[in-house]
C-alpha atoms as a PDB file:
ATOM      1  CA  ASP A   1     -28.050  25.596 -15.116  1.00  0.00           C
ATOM      2  CA  GLN A   2     -28.505  27.322 -11.410  1.00  0.00           C
ATOM      3  CA  LYS A   3     -25.936  26.861  -8.895  1.00  0.00           C
ATOM      4  CA  GLU A   4     -26.578  28.054  -5.500  1.00  0.00           C
ATOM      5  CA  GLU A   5     -22.716  29.307  -3.939  1.00  0.00           C
ATOM      6  CA  VAL A   6     -22.358  27.838  -0.093  1.00  0.00           C
ATOM      7  CA  THR A   7     -18.924  28.304   1.405  1.00  0.00           C
ATOM      8  CA  PRO A   8     -17.864  25.181   3.362  1.00  0.00           C
ATOM      9  CA  ARG A   9     -17.062  24.974   7.247  1.00  0.00           C
ATOM     10  CA  ARG A  10     -13.209  24.573   7.683  1.00  0.00           C
ATOM     11  CA  LEU A  11     -11.860  21.934  10.004  1.00  0.00           C
ATOM     12  CA  ALA A  12      -8.543  20.737  11.017  1.00  0.00           C
ATOM     13  CA  GLY A  13      -5.865  19.761   8.587  1.00  0.00           C
ATOM     14  CA  GLY A  14      -7.419  22.057   5.786  1.00  0.00           C
ATOM     15  CA  GLN A  15     -10.277  20.191   5.267  1.00  0.00           C
ATOM     16  CA  PHE A  16     -13.363  21.457   4.436  1.00  0.00           C
ATOM     17  CA  VAL A  17     -16.880  20.235   5.055  1.00  0.00           C
ATOM     18  CA  LEU A  18     -20.440  21.085   3.545  1.00  0.00           C
ATOM     19  CA  GLN A  19     -24.009  19.598   4.761  1.00  0.00           C
ATOM     20  CA  LEU A  20     -26.953  20.198   2.189  1.00  0.00           C
ATOM     21  CA  ASP A  21     -29.968  19.912   2.972  1.00  0.00           C
ATOM     22  CA  ALA A  22     -31.673  19.659   0.009  1.00  0.00           C
ATOM     23  CA  GLU A  23     -31.785  18.429  -3.713  1.00  0.00           C
ATOM     24  CA  GLY A  24     -29.894  21.010  -5.732  1.00  0.00           C
ATOM     25  CA  THR A  25     -26.785  22.068  -7.966  1.00  0.00           C
ATOM     26  CA  TYR A  26     -24.059  23.612  -5.347  1.00  0.00           C
ATOM     27  CA  GLN A  27     -20.779  25.661  -5.971  1.00  0.00           C
ATOM     28  CA  CYS A  28     -18.067  25.799  -3.019  1.00  0.00           C
ATOM     29  CA  SER A  29     -17.034  29.515  -2.761  1.00  0.00           C
ATOM     30  CA  LEU A  30     -13.742  28.415  -1.738  1.00  0.00           C
ATOM     31  CA  THR A  31     -12.617  25.860  -4.324  1.00  0.00           C
ATOM     32  CA  GLY A  32     -14.981  25.870  -7.160  1.00  0.00           C
ATOM     33  CA  LEU A  33     -16.089  22.197  -6.934  1.00  0.00           C
ATOM     34  CA  ILE A  34     -19.653  21.865  -8.013  1.00  0.00           C
ATOM     35  CA  PHE A  35     -21.685  19.263  -6.159  1.00  0.00           C
ATOM     36  CA  GLU A  36     -24.859  17.568  -7.563  1.00  0.00           C
ATOM     37  CA  VAL A  37     -26.906  16.218  -4.786  1.00  0.00           C
ATOM     38  CA  THR A  38     -30.409  14.359  -4.885  1.00  0.00           C
ATOM     39  CA  GLY A  39     -31.037  14.849  -1.522  1.00  0.00           C
ATOM     40  CA  ARG A  40     -29.362  15.428   2.185  1.00  0.00           C
ATOM     41  CA  VAL A  41     -26.151  15.119   2.406  1.00  0.00           C
ATOM     42  CA  LYS A  42     -22.488  15.462   4.410  1.00  0.00           C
ATOM     43  CA  ILE A  43     -19.574  16.242   2.000  1.00  0.00           C
ATOM     44  CA  THR A  44     -15.751  16.189   3.465  1.00  0.00           C
ATOM     45  CA  TYR A  45     -13.547  17.215   1.441  1.00  0.00           C
ATOM     46  CA  SER A  46      -9.776  18.645   1.155  1.00  0.00           C
ATOM     47  CA  LEU A  47      -6.811  19.979  -1.096  1.00  0.00           C
ATOM     48  CA  LEU A  48      -4.396  17.346  -1.500  1.00  0.00           C
ATOM     49  CA  SER A  49      -0.285  17.705  -2.169  1.00  0.00           C
ATOM     50  CA  TRP A  50       0.870  16.375  -5.480  1.00  0.00           C
ATOM     51  CA  SER A  51       3.902  15.533  -4.190  1.00  0.00           C
ATOM     52  CA  LYS A  52       2.796  12.249  -2.194  1.00  0.00           C
ATOM     53  CA  TYR A  53       1.033  11.161  -5.531  1.00  0.00           C
ATOM     54  CA  ALA A  54       3.011  12.728  -8.640  1.00  0.00           C
ATOM     55  CA  SER A  55       5.002   9.252  -9.105  1.00  0.00           C
ATOM     56  CA  LEU A  56       1.754   7.599 -10.337  1.00  0.00           C
ATOM     57  CA  VAL A  57       1.069  10.039 -13.279  1.00  0.00           C
ATOM     58  CA  ALA A  58       3.114   8.226 -15.923  1.00  0.00           C
ATOM     59  CA  LYS A  59       4.614   9.940 -19.121  1.00  0.00           C
ATOM     60  CA  PRO A  60       3.204  11.598 -21.733  1.00  0.00           C
ATOM     61  CA  TRP A  61       0.960  12.653 -18.846  1.00  0.00           C
ATOM     62  CA  ILE A  62       1.741  15.408 -15.895  1.00  0.00           C
ATOM     63  CA  VAL A  63       0.554  16.784 -13.165  1.00  0.00           C
ATOM     64  CA  GLY A  64      -1.459  20.161 -14.220  1.00  0.00           C
ATOM     65  CA  GLY A  65      -4.243  20.882 -11.848  1.00  0.00           C
ATOM     66  CA  PRO A  66      -5.482  20.353  -8.296  1.00  0.00           C
ATOM     67  CA  LEU A  67      -6.023  16.949  -6.184  1.00  0.00           C
ATOM     68  CA  PHE A  68      -8.906  16.371  -4.327  1.00  0.00           C
ATOM     69  CA  ASP A  69      -9.832  14.105  -1.860  1.00  0.00           C
ATOM     70  CA  VAL A  70     -13.734  13.990  -1.069  1.00  0.00           C
ATOM     71  CA  ARG A  71     -15.755  11.799   0.929  1.00  0.00           C
ATOM     72  CA  CYS A  72     -19.414  11.380   1.062  1.00  0.00           C
ATOM     73  CA  ASP A  73     -21.612  10.528   4.160  1.00  0.00           C
ATOM     74  CA  SER A  74     -24.525   9.105   1.565  1.00  0.00           C
ATOM     75  CA  ALA A  75     -22.403   8.356  -1.531  1.00  0.00           C
ATOM     76  CA  PRO A  76     -26.255   7.761  -3.825  1.00  0.00           C
ATOM     77  CA  ALA A  77     -27.228  11.046  -3.025  1.00  0.00           C
ATOM     78  CA  LEU A  78     -23.862  12.988  -4.501  1.00  0.00           C
ATOM     79  CA  THR A  79     -24.626  12.429  -8.120  1.00  0.00           C
ATOM     80  CA  SER A  80     -21.881  14.354  -9.622  1.00  0.00           C
ATOM     81  CA  ILE A  81     -18.882  16.555  -9.162  1.00  0.00           C
ATOM     82  CA  GLN A  82     -17.442  18.876 -11.395  1.00  0.00           C
ATOM     83  CA  PHE A  83     -14.416  20.053 -10.723  1.00  0.00           C
ATOM     84  CA  PRO A  84     -12.014  23.655 -11.379  1.00  0.00           C
ATOM     85  CA  HIS A  85     -10.475  23.375 -14.754  1.00  0.00           C
ATOM     86  CA  SER A  86      -6.339  24.264 -15.208  1.00  0.00           C
ATOM     87  CA  LEU A  87      -4.932  26.444 -18.141  1.00  0.00           C
ATOM     88  CA  CYS A  88      -1.598  26.753 -18.860  1.00  0.00           C
ATOM     89  CA  LEU A  89      -1.548  29.807 -21.193  1.00  0.00           C
ATOM     90  CA  GLY A  90       2.367  29.635 -20.983  1.00  0.00           C
ATOM     91  CA  GLY A  91       3.257  27.710 -23.978  1.00  0.00           C
END
């Protein structure tokens, strides 16, 4: 499972942008997100705060990891996104 590590360009407002020019699997060096694409694509993404969305999480579910907003200029070219996992070892 070969992934090419890429570093996004930072935009205002905490956004990141990746311009991927060829088919492949790419991992963001800053967020750990993994994007699988079939061709040229521009992906813009940011880390959001749970404070705005936590009330939408109904019990027994709890907030447990990062929340991302991901946008793509060519949706058919973005075939998958793998999000980083969180694991609580505190009990």
